[in-house]
Amino acid sequence: MSRRRAPATSRVNRPARRDTRTLAQTLLDALPPLPPPDLQPDPLPTRRGRLSAPRRPRQPRQCTVSCTYYPGAHGHGGDQPVPHLRLSGLWLEQLGFAIGAKVRITAQEGRLVIELPA
């Protein structure tokens, strides 16, 4: 059985605790009101003081085949590395590959052909 220790200082000697909600509300009331938000769109990035047109997306000329792993079976060796290729960019949308579109991938010798079904 454990005994409860007596407090190090008596309640009489402790400093009075302020009500934090009242103090916070008092501080918030003292602040000036915020201006209404500016709903204008941000200007285009500037170059030497002039507005410039948005950049045209560039098609990648090359990319690197990386690897990901298939998990190994329980009790057998480690994970199996497999080739991994990731394509992304606005240029895909310009070519008609919209988000959510279905594609057909045909594998040929040393070449992948990605087509939109007709």
PDB file of N, CA and C in Angstrom:
ATOM      1  N   MET A   1       0.840  -1.153   0.000  1.00  0.00           N
ATOM      2  CA  MET A   1       0.000   0.000   0.000  1.00  0.00           C
ATOM      3  C   MET A   1       0.896   1.229   0.000  1.00  0.00           C
ATOM      4  N   SER A   2       0.589   2.187  -0.824  1.00  0.00           N
ATOM      5  CA  SER A   2       1.426   3.380  -0.902  1.00  0.00           C
ATOM      6  C   SER A   2       0.736   4.531  -0.194  1.00  0.00           C
ATOM      7  N   ARG A   3       1.563   5.361   0.368  1.00  0.00           N
ATOM      8  CA  ARG A   3       1.029   6.533   1.063  1.00  0.00           C
ATOM      9  C   ARG A   3       1.115   7.725   0.143  1.00  0.00           C
ATOM     10  N   ARG A   4       0.195   8.564   0.260  1.00  0.00           N
ATOM     11  CA  ARG A   4       0.197   9.789  -0.524  1.00  0.00           C
ATOM     12  C   ARG A   4       1.104  10.794   0.162  1.00  0.00           C
ATOM     13  N   ARG A   5       2.009  11.398  -0.659  1.00  0.00           N
ATOM     14  CA  ARG A   5       2.921  12.373  -0.075  1.00  0.00           C
ATOM     15  C   ARG A   5       2.217  13.691   0.151  1.00  0.00           C
ATOM     16  N   ALA A   6       2.676  14.378   1.136  1.00  0.00           N
ATOM     17  CA  ALA A   6       2.141  15.708   1.409  1.00  0.00           C
ATOM     18  C   ALA A   6       2.681  16.664   0.361  1.00  0.00           C
ATOM     19  N   PRO A   7       1.901  17.642  -0.087  1.00  0.00           N
ATOM     20  CA  PRO A   7       2.400  18.591  -1.080  1.00  0.00           C
ATOM     21  C   PRO A   7       3.587  19.375  -0.541  1.00  0.00           C
ATOM     22  N   ALA A   8       4.521  19.728  -1.449  1.00  0.00           N
ATOM     23  CA  ALA A   8       5.727  20.445  -1.050  1.00  0.00           C
ATOM     24  C   ALA A   8       5.387  21.834  -0.527  1.00  0.00           C
ATOM     25  N   THR A   9       4.410  22.467  -1.113  1.00  0.00           N
ATOM     26  CA  THR A   9       3.987  23.784  -0.632  1.00  0.00           C
ATOM     27  C   THR A   9       2.510  23.721  -0.300  1.00  0.00           C
ATOM     28  N   SER A  10       2.144  24.465   0.636  1.00  0.00           N
ATOM     29  CA  SER A  10       0.731  24.471   1.004  1.00  0.00           C
ATOM     30  C   SER A  10      -0.049  25.311   0.007  1.00  0.00           C
ATOM     31  N   ARG A  11      -1.333  25.129  -0.016  1.00  0.00           N
ATOM     32  CA  ARG A  11      -2.173  25.878  -0.948  1.00  0.00           C
ATOM     33  C   ARG A  11      -2.116  27.373  -0.665  1.00  0.00           C
ATOM     34  N   VAL A  12      -1.883  27.719   0.513  1.00  0.00           N
ATOM     35  CA  VAL A  12      -1.854  29.130   0.881  1.00  0.00           C
ATOM     36  C   VAL A  12      -0.646  29.815   0.245  1.00  0.00           C
ATOM     37  N   ASN A  13       0.494  29.121   0.151  1.00  0.00           N
ATOM     38  CA  ASN A  13       1.728  29.715  -0.366  1.00  0.00           C
ATOM     39  C   ASN A  13       1.824  29.686  -1.889  1.00  0.00           C
ATOM     40  N   ARG A  14       0.965  28.935  -2.571  1.00  0.00           N
ATOM     41  CA  ARG A  14       1.031  28.848  -4.033  1.00  0.00           C
ATOM     42  C   ARG A  14       0.534  30.130  -4.671  1.00  0.00           C
ATOM     43  N   PRO A  15       1.144  30.523  -5.819  1.00  0.00           N
ATOM     44  CA  PRO A  15       0.626  31.698  -6.525  1.00  0.00           C
ATOM     45  C   PRO A  15      -0.738  31.369  -7.134  1.00  0.00           C
ATOM     46  N   ALA A  16      -1.575  32.351  -7.242  1.00  0.00           N
ATOM     47  CA  ALA A  16      -2.918  32.155  -7.784  1.00  0.00           C
ATOM     48  C   ALA A  16      -2.831  31.838  -9.267  1.00  0.00           C
ATOM     49  N   ARG A  17      -3.613  30.872  -9.705  1.00  0.00           N
ATOM     50  CA  ARG A  17      -3.645  30.491 -11.114  1.00  0.00           C
ATOM     51  C   ARG A  17      -4.627  31.376 -11.851  1.00  0.00           C
ATOM     52  N   ARG A  18      -4.222  31.887 -13.018  1.00  0.00           N
ATOM     53  CA  ARG A  18      -5.140  32.707 -13.802  1.00  0.00           C
ATOM     54  C   ARG A  18      -5.975  31.809 -14.699  1.00  0.00           C
ATOM     55  N   ASP A  19      -7.152  32.227 -14.952  1.00  0.00           N
ATOM     56  CA  ASP A  19      -8.002  31.489 -15.874  1.00  0.00           C
ATOM     57  C   ASP A  19      -7.475  31.744 -17.283  1.00  0.00           C
ATOM     58  N   THR A  20      -6.916  30.716 -17.933  1.00  0.00           N
ATOM     59  CA  THR A  20      -6.265  30.899 -19.234  1.00  0.00           C
ATOM     60  C   THR A  20      -7.263  31.285 -20.313  1.00  0.00           C
ATOM     61  N   ARG A  21      -8.483  30.784 -20.250  1.00  0.00           N
ATOM     62  CA  ARG A  21      -9.464  31.154 -21.267  1.00  0.00           C
ATOM     63  C   ARG A  21      -9.794  32.640 -21.194  1.00  0.00           C
ATOM     64  N   THR A  22      -9.941  33.163 -20.011  1.00  0.00           N
ATOM     65  CA  THR A  22     -10.254  34.581 -19.850  1.00  0.00           C
ATOM     66  C   THR A  22      -9.085  35.435 -20.320  1.00  0.00           C
ATOM     67  N   LEU A  23      -7.860  35.042 -19.976  1.00  0.00           N
ATOM     68  CA  LEU A  23      -6.674  35.788 -20.378  1.00  0.00           C
ATOM     69  C   LEU A  23      -6.518  35.764 -21.897  1.00  0.00           C
ATOM     70  N   ALA A  24      -6.698  34.601 -22.507  1.00  0.00           N
ATOM     71  CA  ALA A  24      -6.567  34.490 -23.960  1.00  0.00           C
ATOM     72  C   ALA A  24      -7.633  35.326 -24.665  1.00  0.00           C
ATOM     73  N   GLN A  25      -8.851  35.291 -24.173  1.00  0.00           N
ATOM     74  CA  GLN A  25      -9.919  36.063 -24.797  1.00  0.00           C
ATOM     75  C   GLN A  25      -9.653  37.556 -24.660  1.00  0.00           C
ATOM     76  N   THR A  26      -9.110  37.987 -23.534  1.00  0.00           N
ATOM     77  CA  THR A  26      -8.770  39.394 -23.328  1.00  0.00           C
ATOM     78  C   THR A  26      -7.710  39.831 -24.326  1.00  0.00           C
ATOM     79  N   LEU A  27      -6.698  38.975 -24.540  1.00  0.00           N
ATOM     80  CA  LEU A  27      -5.640  39.301 -25.499  1.00  0.00           C
ATOM     81  C   LEU A  27      -6.183  39.345 -26.925  1.00  0.00           C
ATOM     82  N   LEU A  28      -7.065  38.422 -27.267  1.00  0.00           N
ATOM     83  CA  LEU A  28      -7.643  38.412 -28.611  1.00  0.00           C
ATOM     84  C   LEU A  28      -8.530  39.628 -28.847  1.00  0.00           C
ATOM     85  N   ASP A  29      -9.265  40.041 -27.835  1.00  0.00           N
ATOM     86  CA  ASP A  29     -10.130  41.212 -27.979  1.00  0.00           C
ATOM     87  C   ASP A  29      -9.323  42.488 -28.169  1.00  0.00           C
ATOM     88  N   ALA A  30      -8.089  42.516 -27.644  1.00  0.00           N
ATOM     89  CA  ALA A  30      -7.251  43.710 -27.744  1.00  0.00           C
ATOM     90  C   ALA A  30      -6.642  43.866 -29.139  1.00  0.00           C
ATOM     91  N   LEU A  31      -6.594  42.788 -29.928  1.00  0.00           N
ATOM     92  CA  LEU A  31      -6.005  42.857 -31.272  1.00  0.00           C
ATOM     93  C   LEU A  31      -6.944  43.586 -32.227  1.00  0.00           C
ATOM     94  N   PRO A  32      -6.375  44.320 -33.200  1.00  0.00           N
ATOM     95  CA  PRO A  32      -7.242  44.956 -34.199  1.00  0.00           C
ATOM     96  C   PRO A  32      -7.850  43.887 -35.104  1.00  0.00           C
ATOM     97  N   PRO A  33      -9.011  44.141 -35.692  1.00  0.00           N
ATOM     98  CA  PRO A  33      -9.630  43.126 -36.560  1.00  0.00           C
ATOM     99  C   PRO A  33      -8.788  42.898 -37.813  1.00  0.00           C
ATOM    100  N   LEU A  34      -8.825  41.672 -38.301  1.00  0.00           N
ATOM    101  CA  LEU A  34      -8.077  41.324 -39.513  1.00  0.00           C
ATOM    102  C   LEU A  34      -8.780  41.890 -40.737  1.00  0.00           C
ATOM    103  N   PRO A  35      -8.009  42.324 -41.745  1.00  0.00           N
ATOM    104  CA  PRO A  35      -8.644  42.803 -42.976  1.00  0.00           C
ATOM    105  C   PRO A  35      -9.276  41.625 -43.716  1.00  0.00           C
ATOM    106  N   PRO A  36     -10.268  41.877 -44.561  1.00  0.00           N
ATOM    107  CA  PRO A  36     -10.877  40.772 -45.310  1.00  0.00           C
ATOM    108  C   PRO A  36      -9.841  40.155 -46.247  1.00  0.00           C
ATOM    109  N   PRO A  37      -9.956  38.863 -46.524  1.00  0.00           N
ATOM    110  CA  PRO A  37      -8.969  38.219 -47.389  1.00  0.00           C
ATOM    111  C   PRO A  37      -9.039  38.764 -48.809  1.00  0.00           C
ATOM    112  N   ASP A  38      -7.869  38.873 -49.433  1.00  0.00           N
ATOM    113  CA  ASP A  38      -7.785  39.327 -50.819  1.00  0.00           C
ATOM    114  C   ASP A  38      -8.003  38.112 -51.710  1.00  0.00           C
ATOM    115  N   LEU A  39      -9.087  38.078 -52.429  1.00  0.00           N
ATOM    116  CA  LEU A  39      -9.438  36.909 -53.220  1.00  0.00           C
ATOM    117  C   LEU A  39      -8.937  36.990 -54.654  1.00  0.00           C
ATOM    118  N   GLN A  40      -8.030  37.901 -54.933  1.00  0.00           N
ATOM    119  CA  GLN A  40      -7.461  38.007 -56.276  1.00  0.00           C
ATOM    120  C   GLN A  40      -6.434  36.895 -56.470  1.00  0.00           C
ATOM    121  N   PRO A  41      -6.382  36.273 -57.653  1.00  0.00           N
ATOM    122  CA  PRO A  41      -5.377  35.237 -57.876  1.00  0.00           C
ATOM    123  C   PRO A  41      -3.981  35.844 -57.882  1.00  0.00           C
ATOM    124  N   ASP A  42      -3.021  35.032 -57.482  1.00  0.00           N
ATOM    125  CA  ASP A  42      -1.637  35.487 -57.492  1.00  0.00           C
ATOM    126  C   ASP A  42      -1.215  35.775 -58.926  1.00  0.00           C
ATOM    127  N   PRO A  43      -0.395  36.811 -59.139  1.00  0.00           N
ATOM    128  CA  PRO A  43       0.065  37.084 -60.500  1.00  0.00           C
ATOM    129  C   PRO A  43       1.033  35.999 -60.959  1.00  0.00           C
ATOM    130  N   LEU A  44       1.195  35.899 -62.272  1.00  0.00           N
ATOM    131  CA  LEU A  44       2.153  34.940 -62.811  1.00  0.00           C
ATOM    132  C   LEU A  44       3.552  35.315 -62.350  1.00  0.00           C
ATOM    133  N   PRO A  45       4.456  34.356 -62.281  1.00  0.00           N
ATOM    134  CA  PRO A  45       5.821  34.681 -61.876  1.00  0.00           C
ATOM    135  C   PRO A  45       6.413  35.751 -62.795  1.00  0.00           C
ATOM    136  N   THR A  46       7.146  36.659 -62.207  1.00  0.00           N
ATOM    137  CA  THR A  46       7.707  37.754 -62.995  1.00  0.00           C
ATOM    138  C   THR A  46       9.179  37.520 -63.272  1.00  0.00           C
ATOM    139  N   ARG A  47       9.608  38.037 -64.396  1.00  0.00           N
ATOM    140  CA  ARG A  47      11.017  38.008 -64.770  1.00  0.00           C
ATOM    141  C   ARG A  47      11.421  39.427 -65.123  1.00  0.00           C
ATOM    142  N   ARG A  48      12.298  40.002 -64.360  1.00  0.00           N
ATOM    143  CA  ARG A  48      12.780  41.364 -64.581  1.00  0.00           C
ATOM    144  C   ARG A  48      11.628  42.354 -64.677  1.00  0.00           C
ATOM    145  N   GLY A  49      10.643  42.188 -63.793  1.00  0.00           N
ATOM    146  CA  GLY A  49       9.549  43.141 -63.736  1.00  0.00           C
ATOM    147  C   GLY A  49       8.447  42.932 -64.744  1.00  0.00           C
ATOM    148  N   ARG A  50       8.531  41.910 -65.582  1.00  0.00           N
ATOM    149  CA  ARG A  50       7.482  41.657 -66.581  1.00  0.00           C
ATOM    150  C   ARG A  50       6.755  40.366 -66.250  1.00  0.00           C
ATOM    151  N   LEU A  51       5.499  40.329 -66.623  1.00  0.00           N
ATOM    152  CA  LEU A  51       4.760  39.079 -66.480  1.00  0.00           C
ATOM    153  C   LEU A  51       5.176  38.145 -67.598  1.00  0.00           C
ATOM    154  N   SER A  52       5.375  36.892 -67.264  1.00  0.00           N
ATOM    155  CA  SER A  52       5.774  35.928 -68.290  1.00  0.00           C
ATOM    156  C   SER A  52       4.672  34.887 -68.454  1.00  0.00           C
ATOM    157  N   ALA A  53       4.597  34.324 -69.628  1.00  0.00           N
ATOM    158  CA  ALA A  53       3.608  33.282 -69.911  1.00  0.00           C
ATOM    159  C   ALA A  53       4.018  32.008 -69.177  1.00  0.00           C
ATOM    160  N   PRO A  54       3.055  31.149 -68.845  1.00  0.00           N
ATOM    161  CA  PRO A  54       3.415  29.888 -68.200  1.00  0.00           C
ATOM    162  C   PRO A  54       4.332  29.071 -69.102  1.00  0.00           C
ATOM    163  N   ARG A  55       5.239  28.341 -68.472  1.00  0.00           N
ATOM    164  CA  ARG A  55       6.179  27.534 -69.249  1.00  0.00           C
ATOM    165  C   ARG A  55       5.465  26.399 -69.960  1.00  0.00           C
ATOM    166  N   ARG A  56       5.969  26.056 -71.116  1.00  0.00           N
ATOM    167  CA  ARG A  56       5.428  24.932 -71.872  1.00  0.00           C
ATOM    168  C   ARG A  56       6.035  23.645 -71.319  1.00  0.00           C
ATOM    169  N   PRO A  57       5.218  22.639 -71.010  1.00  0.00           N
ATOM    170  CA  PRO A  57       5.777  21.391 -70.489  1.00  0.00           C
ATOM    171  C   PRO A  57       6.686  20.737 -71.521  1.00  0.00           C
ATOM    172  N   ARG A  58       7.805  20.234 -71.062  1.00  0.00           N
ATOM    173  CA  ARG A  58       8.757  19.585 -71.959  1.00  0.00           C
ATOM    174  C   ARG A  58       8.595  18.073 -71.888  1.00  0.00           C
ATOM    175  N   GLN A  59       8.740  17.421 -73.023  1.00  0.00           N
ATOM    176  CA  GLN A  59       8.703  15.967 -73.045  1.00  0.00           C
ATOM    177  C   GLN A  59      10.058  15.446 -72.584  1.00  0.00           C
ATOM    178  N   PRO A  60      10.064  14.448 -71.708  1.00  0.00           N
ATOM    179  CA  PRO A  60      11.355  13.903 -71.289  1.00  0.00           C
ATOM    180  C   PRO A  60      12.019  13.173 -72.443  1.00  0.00           C
ATOM    181  N   ARG A  61      13.306  13.295 -72.528  1.00  0.00           N
ATOM    182  CA  ARG A  61      14.060  12.625 -73.584  1.00  0.00           C
ATOM    183  C   ARG A  61      14.523  11.239 -73.127  1.00  0.00           C
ATOM    184  N   GLN A  62      14.674  11.089 -71.848  1.00  0.00           N
ATOM    185  CA  GLN A  62      15.088   9.796 -71.316  1.00  0.00           C
ATOM    186  C   GLN A  62      14.633   9.682 -69.871  1.00  0.00           C
ATOM    187  N   CYS A  63      14.542   8.479 -69.374  1.00  0.00           N
ATOM    188  CA  CYS A  63      14.291   8.250 -67.955  1.00  0.00           C
ATOM    189  C   CYS A  63      15.029   6.974 -67.571  1.00  0.00           C
ATOM    190  N   THR A  64      15.141   6.725 -66.297  1.00  0.00           N
ATOM    191  CA  THR A  64      15.925   5.601 -65.805  1.00  0.00           C
ATOM    192  C   THR A  64      14.997   4.525 -65.263  1.00  0.00           C
ATOM    193  N   VAL A  65      15.279   3.288 -65.612  1.00  0.00           N
ATOM    194  CA  VAL A  65      14.524   2.167 -65.063  1.00  0.00           C
ATOM    195  C   VAL A  65      15.057   1.926 -63.655  1.00  0.00           C
ATOM    196  N   SER A  66      14.191   2.088 -62.672  1.00  0.00           N
ATOM    197  CA  SER A  66      14.598   1.837 -61.292  1.00  0.00           C
ATOM    198  C   SER A  66      14.082   0.466 -60.882  1.00  0.00           C
ATOM    199  N   CYS A  67      14.149   0.156 -59.608  1.00  0.00           N
ATOM    200  CA  CYS A  67      13.647  -1.155 -59.199  1.00  0.00           C
ATOM    201  C   CYS A  67      12.745  -1.011 -57.988  1.00  0.00           C
ATOM    202  N   THR A  68      11.825  -1.934 -57.901  1.00  0.00           N
ATOM    203  CA  THR A  68      10.976  -2.088 -56.730  1.00  0.00           C
ATOM    204  C   THR A  68      11.074  -3.564 -56.366  1.00  0.00           C
ATOM    205  N   TYR A  69      10.420  -3.984 -55.325  1.00  0.00           N
ATOM    206  CA  TYR A  69      10.607  -5.358 -54.862  1.00  0.00           C
ATOM    207  C   TYR A  69       9.279  -6.071 -54.688  1.00  0.00           C
ATOM    208  N   TYR A  70       9.241  -7.338 -55.127  1.00  0.00           N
ATOM    209  CA  TYR A  70       8.141  -8.224 -54.797  1.00  0.00           C
ATOM    210  C   TYR A  70       8.538  -8.907 -53.495  1.00  0.00           C
ATOM    211  N   PRO A  71       7.625  -9.003 -52.548  1.00  0.00           N
ATOM    212  CA  PRO A  71       8.003  -9.638 -51.279  1.00  0.00           C
ATOM    213  C   PRO A  71       8.323 -11.113 -51.482  1.00  0.00           C
ATOM    214  N   GLY A  72       9.339 -11.582 -50.772  1.00  0.00           N
ATOM    215  CA  GLY A  72       9.728 -12.987 -50.849  1.00  0.00           C
ATOM    216  C   GLY A  72       8.757 -13.860 -50.074  1.00  0.00           C
ATOM    217  N   ALA A  73       8.743 -15.142 -50.398  1.00  0.00           N
ATOM    218  CA  ALA A  73       7.871 -16.085 -49.694  1.00  0.00           C
ATOM    219  C   ALA A  73       8.410 -16.303 -48.282  1.00  0.00           C
ATOM    220  N   HIS A  74       7.522 -16.690 -47.379  1.00  0.00           N
ATOM    221  CA  HIS A  74       7.933 -16.925 -45.994  1.00  0.00           C
ATOM    222  C   HIS A  74       8.947 -18.058 -45.943  1.00  0.00           C
ATOM    223  N   GLY A  75      10.036 -17.829 -45.250  1.00  0.00           N
ATOM    224  CA  GLY A  75      11.049 -18.864 -45.085  1.00  0.00           C
ATOM    225  C   GLY A  75      11.977 -19.022 -46.275  1.00  0.00           C
ATOM    226  N   HIS A  76      11.783 -18.254 -47.352  1.00  0.00           N
ATOM    227  CA  HIS A  76      12.645 -18.349 -48.525  1.00  0.00           C
ATOM    228  C   HIS A  76      13.309 -17.007 -48.754  1.00  0.00           C
ATOM    229  N   GLY A  77      14.549 -16.995 -49.118  1.00  0.00           N
ATOM    230  CA  GLY A  77      15.313 -15.815 -49.517  1.00  0.00           C
ATOM    231  C   GLY A  77      14.673 -14.465 -49.238  1.00  0.00           C
ATOM    232  N   GLY A  78      15.246 -13.444 -49.797  1.00  0.00           N
ATOM    233  CA  GLY A  78      14.747 -12.092 -49.591  1.00  0.00           C
ATOM    234  C   GLY A  78      13.743 -11.687 -50.649  1.00  0.00           C
ATOM    235  N   ASP A  79      13.491 -10.413 -50.694  1.00  0.00           N
ATOM    236  CA  ASP A  79      12.564  -9.873 -51.681  1.00  0.00           C
ATOM    237  C   ASP A  79      13.180  -9.941 -53.076  1.00  0.00           C
ATOM    238  N   GLN A  80      12.327 -10.067 -54.081  1.00  0.00           N
ATOM    239  CA  GLN A  80      12.792 -10.181 -55.463  1.00  0.00           C
ATOM    240  C   GLN A  80      12.740  -8.808 -56.135  1.00  0.00           C
ATOM    241  N   PRO A  81      13.894  -8.287 -56.629  1.00  0.00           N
ATOM    242  CA  PRO A  81      13.871  -6.986 -57.310  1.00  0.00           C
ATOM    243  C   PRO A  81      13.222  -7.103 -58.687  1.00  0.00           C
ATOM    244  N   VAL A  82      12.396  -6.119 -59.039  1.00  0.00           N
ATOM    245  CA  VAL A  82      11.755  -6.080 -60.355  1.00  0.00           C
ATOM    246  C   VAL A  82      11.927  -4.680 -60.937  1.00  0.00           C
ATOM    247  N   PRO A  83      12.037  -4.559 -62.274  1.00  0.00           N
ATOM    248  CA  PRO A  83      12.185  -3.238 -62.897  1.00  0.00           C
ATOM    249  C   PRO A  83      10.950  -2.376 -62.663  1.00  0.00           C
ATOM    250  N   HIS A  84      11.183  -1.078 -62.569  1.00  0.00           N
ATOM    251  CA  HIS A  84      10.105  -0.130 -62.265  1.00  0.00           C
ATOM    252  C   HIS A  84      10.313   1.103 -63.135  1.00  0.00           C
ATOM    253  N   LEU A  85       9.266   1.527 -63.839  1.00  0.00           N
ATOM    254  CA  LEU A  85       9.335   2.689 -64.722  1.00  0.00           C
ATOM    255  C   LEU A  85       8.188   3.617 -64.367  1.00  0.00           C
ATOM    256  N   ARG A  86       8.497   4.901 -64.161  1.00  0.00           N
ATOM    257  CA  ARG A  86       7.464   5.870 -63.775  1.00  0.00           C
ATOM    258  C   ARG A  86       7.472   7.024 -64.761  1.00  0.00           C
ATOM    259  N   LEU A  87       6.314   7.309 -65.339  1.00  0.00           N
ATOM    260  CA  LEU A  87       6.155   8.434 -66.260  1.00  0.00           C
ATOM    261  C   LEU A  87       5.169   9.410 -65.646  1.00  0.00           C
ATOM    262  N   SER A  88       5.516  10.686 -65.635  1.00  0.00           N
ATOM    263  CA  SER A  88       4.593  11.697 -65.128  1.00  0.00           C
ATOM    264  C   SER A  88       4.938  13.033 -65.755  1.00  0.00           C
ATOM    265  N   GLY A  89       3.979  13.903 -65.818  1.00  0.00           N
ATOM    266  CA  GLY A  89       4.218  15.244 -66.334  1.00  0.00           C
ATOM    267  C   GLY A  89       3.027  15.761 -67.119  1.00  0.00           C
ATOM    268  N   LEU A  90       3.013  17.081 -67.280  1.00  0.00           N
ATOM    269  CA  LEU A  90       1.927  17.712 -68.027  1.00  0.00           C
ATOM    270  C   LEU A  90       1.943  17.316 -69.499  1.00  0.00           C
ATOM    271  N   TRP A  91       3.093  16.910 -70.009  1.00  0.00           N
ATOM    272  CA  TRP A  91       3.192  16.526 -71.410  1.00  0.00           C
ATOM    273  C   TRP A  91       2.296  15.331 -71.711  1.00  0.00           C
ATOM    274  N   LEU A  92       2.059  14.452 -70.726  1.00  0.00           N
ATOM    275  CA  LEU A  92       1.163  13.310 -70.947  1.00  0.00           C
ATOM    276  C   LEU A  92      -0.257  13.794 -71.223  1.00  0.00           C
ATOM    277  N   GLU A  93      -0.683  14.801 -70.475  1.00  0.00           N
ATOM    278  CA  GLU A  93      -2.023  15.348 -70.677  1.00  0.00           C
ATOM    279  C   GLU A  93      -2.137  16.021 -72.041  1.00  0.00           C
ATOM    280  N   GLN A  94      -1.076  16.686 -72.475  1.00  0.00           N
ATOM    281  CA  GLN A  94      -1.097  17.326 -73.791  1.00  0.00           C
ATOM    282  C   GLN A  94      -1.208  16.306 -74.913  1.00  0.00           C
ATOM    283  N   LEU A  95      -0.715  15.107 -74.680  1.00  0.00           N
ATOM    284  CA  LEU A  95      -0.801  14.047 -75.689  1.00  0.00           C
ATOM    285  C   LEU A  95      -2.115  13.273 -75.605  1.00  0.00           C
ATOM    286  N   GLY A  96      -2.998  13.655 -74.673  1.00  0.00           N
ATOM    287  CA  GLY A  96      -4.301  13.003 -74.580  1.00  0.00           C
ATOM    288  C   GLY A  96      -4.426  12.006 -73.451  1.00  0.00           C
ATOM    289  N   PHE A  97      -3.366  11.794 -72.675  1.00  0.00           N
ATOM    290  CA  PHE A  97      -3.411  10.852 -71.559  1.00  0.00           C
ATOM    291  C   PHE A  97      -3.918  11.586 -70.319  1.00  0.00           C
ATOM    292  N   ALA A  98      -5.242  11.710 -70.205  1.00  0.00           N
ATOM    293  CA  ALA A  98      -5.849  12.426 -69.082  1.00  0.00           C
ATOM    294  C   ALA A  98      -5.810  11.550 -67.833  1.00  0.00           C
ATOM    295  N   ILE A  99      -5.946  12.182 -66.693  1.00  0.00           N
ATOM    296  CA  ILE A  99      -5.975  11.450 -65.427  1.00  0.00           C
ATOM    297  C   ILE A  99      -7.184  10.521 -65.433  1.00  0.00           C
ATOM    298  N   GLY A 100      -6.966   9.264 -65.109  1.00  0.00           N
ATOM    299  CA  GLY A 100      -8.038   8.279 -65.074  1.00  0.00           C
ATOM    300  C   GLY A 100      -8.289   7.588 -66.400  1.00  0.00           C
ATOM    301  N   ALA A 101      -7.589   7.994 -67.471  1.00  0.00           N
ATOM    302  CA  ALA A 101      -7.800   7.374 -68.788  1.00  0.00           C
ATOM    303  C   ALA A 101      -7.227   5.958 -68.794  1.00  0.00           C
ATOM    304  N   LYS A 102      -7.883   5.068 -69.507  1.00  0.00           N
ATOM    305  CA  LYS A 102      -7.393   3.701 -69.681  1.00  0.00           C
ATOM    306  C   LYS A 102      -6.403   3.687 -70.838  1.00  0.00           C
ATOM    307  N   VAL A 103      -5.321   2.949 -70.701  1.00  0.00           N
ATOM    308  CA  VAL A 103      -4.317   2.856 -71.764  1.00  0.00           C
ATOM    309  C   VAL A 103      -4.061   1.394 -72.098  1.00  0.00           C
ATOM    310  N   ARG A 104      -3.549   1.175 -73.299  1.00  0.00           N
ATOM    311  CA  ARG A 104      -3.157  -0.157 -73.741  1.00  0.00           C
ATOM    312  C   ARG A 104      -1.642  -0.137 -73.917  1.00  0.00           C
ATOM    313  N   ILE A 105      -0.955  -1.073 -73.278  1.00  0.00           N
ATOM    314  CA  ILE A 105       0.505  -1.139 -73.356  1.00  0.00           C
ATOM    315  C   ILE A 105       0.878  -2.384 -74.143  1.00  0.00           C
ATOM    316  N   THR A 106       1.650  -2.175 -75.200  1.00  0.00           N
ATOM    317  CA  THR A 106       2.125  -3.269 -76.033  1.00  0.00           C
ATOM    318  C   THR A 106       3.636  -3.358 -75.878  1.00  0.00           C
ATOM    319  N   ALA A 107       4.128  -4.553 -75.570  1.00  0.00           N
ATOM    320  CA  ALA A 107       5.567  -4.752 -75.414  1.00  0.00           C
ATOM    321  C   ALA A 107       6.134  -5.341 -76.694  1.00  0.00           C
ATOM    322  N   GLN A 108       7.153  -4.686 -77.222  1.00  0.00           N
ATOM    323  CA  GLN A 108       7.876  -5.169 -78.394  1.00  0.00           C
ATOM    324  C   GLN A 108       9.340  -5.281 -78.004  1.00  0.00           C
ATOM    325  N   GLU A 109      10.156  -5.802 -78.866  1.00  0.00           N
ATOM    326  CA  GLU A 109      11.575  -5.978 -78.563  1.00  0.00           C
ATOM    327  C   GLU A 109      12.231  -4.623 -78.288  1.00  0.00           C
ATOM    328  N   GLY A 110      12.595  -4.364 -77.033  1.00  0.00           N
ATOM    329  CA  GLY A 110      13.275  -3.125 -76.670  1.00  0.00           C
ATOM    330  C   GLY A 110      12.398  -1.887 -76.730  1.00  0.00           C
ATOM    331  N   ARG A 111      11.083  -2.066 -76.754  1.00  0.00           N
ATOM    332  CA  ARG A 111      10.190  -0.918 -76.923  1.00  0.00           C
ATOM    333  C   ARG A 111       8.865  -1.182 -76.211  1.00  0.00           C
ATOM    334  N   LEU A 112       8.342  -0.140 -75.576  1.00  0.00           N
ATOM    335  CA  LEU A 112       6.995  -0.173 -75.008  1.00  0.00           C
ATOM    336  C   LEU A 112       6.158   0.836 -75.770  1.00  0.00           C
ATOM    337  N   VAL A 113       4.979   0.431 -76.207  1.00  0.00           N
ATOM    338  CA  VAL A 113       4.072   1.336 -76.906  1.00  0.00           C
ATOM    339  C   VAL A 113       2.857   1.528 -76.010  1.00  0.00           C
ATOM    340  N   ILE A 114       2.595   2.773 -75.641  1.00  0.00           N
ATOM    341  CA  ILE A 114       1.464   3.109 -74.783  1.00  0.00           C
ATOM    342  C   ILE A 114       0.451   3.853 -75.634  1.00  0.00           C
ATOM    343  N   GLU A 115      -0.751   3.278 -75.768  1.00  0.00           N
ATOM    344  CA  GLU A 115      -1.774   3.858 -76.647  1.00  0.00           C
ATOM    345  C   GLU A 115      -3.069   4.066 -75.882  1.00  0.00           C
ATOM    346  N   LEU A 116      -3.828   5.049 -76.340  1.00  0.00           N
ATOM    347  CA  LEU A 116      -5.195   5.222 -75.865  1.00  0.00           C
ATOM    348  C   LEU A 116      -6.090   4.355 -76.737  1.00  0.00           C
ATOM    349  N   PRO A 117      -6.969   3.546 -76.152  1.00  0.00           N
ATOM    350  CA  PRO A 117      -7.854   2.723 -76.977  1.00  0.00           C
ATOM    351  C   PRO A 117      -8.763   3.605 -77.833  1.00  0.00           C
ATOM    352  N   ALA A 118      -9.044   3.148 -79.037  1.00  0.00           N
ATOM    353  CA  ALA A 118      -9.884   3.931 -79.963  1.00  0.00           C
ATOM    354  C   ALA A 118     -11.337   3.871 -79.585  1.00  0.00           C
TER     355      ALA A 118
END
